[in-house]
Protein backbone atom coordinates (compact mmCIF):
# COMPACT_ATOMS: atom_id res chain seq x y z
CA MET A 1 -11.28 24.04 15.20
CA PHE A 2 -8.18 21.85 15.68
CA LEU A 3 -5.92 24.48 14.08
CA LYS A 4 -7.54 27.42 15.84
CA GLU A 5 -7.19 25.79 19.26
CA ARG A 6 -3.43 25.50 18.67
CA LEU A 7 -2.96 28.79 16.78
CA TRP A 8 -1.55 26.86 13.82
CA GLU A 9 -3.40 28.66 11.02
CA LYS A 10 -0.27 30.73 10.33
CA TYR A 11 1.56 27.54 9.31
CA HIS A 12 -1.08 26.53 6.80
CA ASN A 13 0.22 28.29 3.73
CA PRO A 14 0.56 26.53 0.36
CA LYS A 15 4.35 26.07 0.59
CA ASP A 16 4.34 24.53 4.06
CA LEU A 17 1.33 22.36 3.26
CA ALA A 18 2.99 21.06 0.07
CA GLU A 19 6.08 20.16 2.10
CA SER A 20 3.93 18.45 4.73
CA ILE A 21 2.10 16.40 2.09
CA CYS A 22 5.44 15.15 0.75
CA ILE A 23 6.81 14.40 4.21
CA GLU A 24 3.73 12.44 5.25
CA ALA A 25 3.65 10.60 1.90
CA ALA A 26 7.29 9.62 2.47
CA GLU A 27 6.39 8.29 5.92
CA LEU A 28 3.64 6.22 4.29
CA LEU A 29 6.07 4.96 1.66
CA GLN A 30 8.61 4.04 4.31
CA LEU A 31 6.16 1.45 5.69
CA PHE A 32 6.50 -0.41 2.36
CA GLN A 33 10.26 -0.10 1.97
CA TRP A 34 12.09 -3.32 1.15
CA ILE A 35 9.04 -5.51 0.70
CA ASN A 36 7.53 -6.96 -2.46
CA PRO A 37 3.99 -6.34 -3.76
CA LYS A 38 2.71 -9.69 -2.44
CA GLU A 39 3.92 -8.86 1.07
CA SER A 40 2.26 -5.45 0.87
CA LYS A 41 -1.10 -7.08 0.10
CA ASN A 42 -0.81 -9.09 3.32
CA PHE A 43 -0.72 -5.88 5.37
CA LYS A 44 -4.52 -5.81 5.48
CA ASN A 45 -4.32 -8.90 7.67
CA GLU A 46 -1.77 -7.38 10.06
CA GLN A 47 -3.54 -5.01 12.44
CA ASN A 48 -0.42 -3.22 13.69
CA LYS A 49 0.82 -2.45 10.17
CA LEU A 50 -2.68 -1.57 8.99
CA ARG A 51 -3.04 0.88 11.88
CA LYS A 52 0.25 2.59 10.98
CA ILE A 53 -0.73 2.78 7.30
CA SER A 54 -4.11 4.19 8.26
CA GLU A 55 -2.48 6.89 10.40
CA GLU A 56 -0.03 7.96 7.69
CA LEU A 57 -2.71 7.89 5.00
CA ALA A 58 -4.90 10.06 7.22
CA ASP A 59 -2.03 12.54 7.65
CA VAL A 60 -1.61 12.80 3.87
CA ALA A 61 -5.36 13.30 3.39
CA ILE A 62 -5.55 15.92 6.16
CA TYR A 63 -2.78 17.98 4.58
CA CYS A 64 -4.30 17.61 1.09
CA LEU A 65 -7.67 18.81 2.38
CA SER A 66 -5.97 21.64 4.25
CA MET A 67 -4.24 22.78 1.06
CA ALA A 68 -7.50 22.65 -0.87
CA ASN A 69 -9.19 24.72 1.83
CA THR A 70 -6.31 27.21 1.98
CA LEU A 71 -6.42 27.76 -1.79
CA ASP A 72 -10.25 27.60 -2.07
CA ILE A 73 -10.04 24.55 -4.33
CA ASP A 74 -13.15 22.39 -4.55
CA LEU A 75 -11.38 19.05 -4.28
CA THR A 76 -14.34 17.02 -5.53
CA THR A 77 -14.49 19.10 -8.70
CA ALA A 78 -10.71 18.97 -9.11
CA ILE A 79 -10.73 15.18 -8.81
CA LEU A 80 -13.56 14.75 -11.30
CA GLN A 81 -11.83 17.08 -13.78
CA LYS A 82 -8.54 15.19 -13.38
CA ILE A 83 -10.28 11.87 -14.02
CA GLU A 84 -11.67 13.29 -17.28
CA LEU A 85 -8.19 14.49 -18.29
CA ASN A 86 -6.76 11.05 -17.49
CA LYS A 87 -9.44 9.35 -19.60
CA LYS A 88 -8.28 11.40 -22.58
CA LYS A 89 -4.59 10.91 -21.82
CA TYR A 90 -4.92 7.15 -21.24
CA PRO A 91 -7.81 5.86 -23.39
CA SER A 92 -8.92 2.42 -22.26
CA GLU A 93 -8.71 0.97 -25.76
CA HIS A 94 -4.95 1.59 -25.73
CA TYR A 95 -4.09 1.09 -22.07
CA LYS A 96 -6.45 -1.64 -20.85
CA GLY A 97 -4.39 -4.00 -18.72
CA LYS A 98 -1.16 -2.09 -19.45
CA ALA A 99 0.84 0.38 -17.40
CA HIS A 100 2.28 1.87 -20.62
CA LEU A 101 2.16 1.36 -24.35
CA ASN A 102 4.73 -0.84 -26.00
CA THR A 103 6.24 1.16 -28.82
């Protein structure tokens, strides 16, 4: 409905949506630029920053859902399949508590 009211469907092709996902993700990342992980955890107590994060995160999700719809991808199924692939790629017995294996 939102897209139809604005005649924006023509802009919702896979290439433009992929670009938009990256742009919005960069805007989300920019909110965390130059701070440390501890400071980022405090954002949930700062309503102004939390609102901005929420808006950018929503933008990313909207474009991801739009891409899934454009390409007829069942996102729930894709996510569940990816989790299964990740379980095989990163078995818990080897990666529990680690970001990578020490070789």
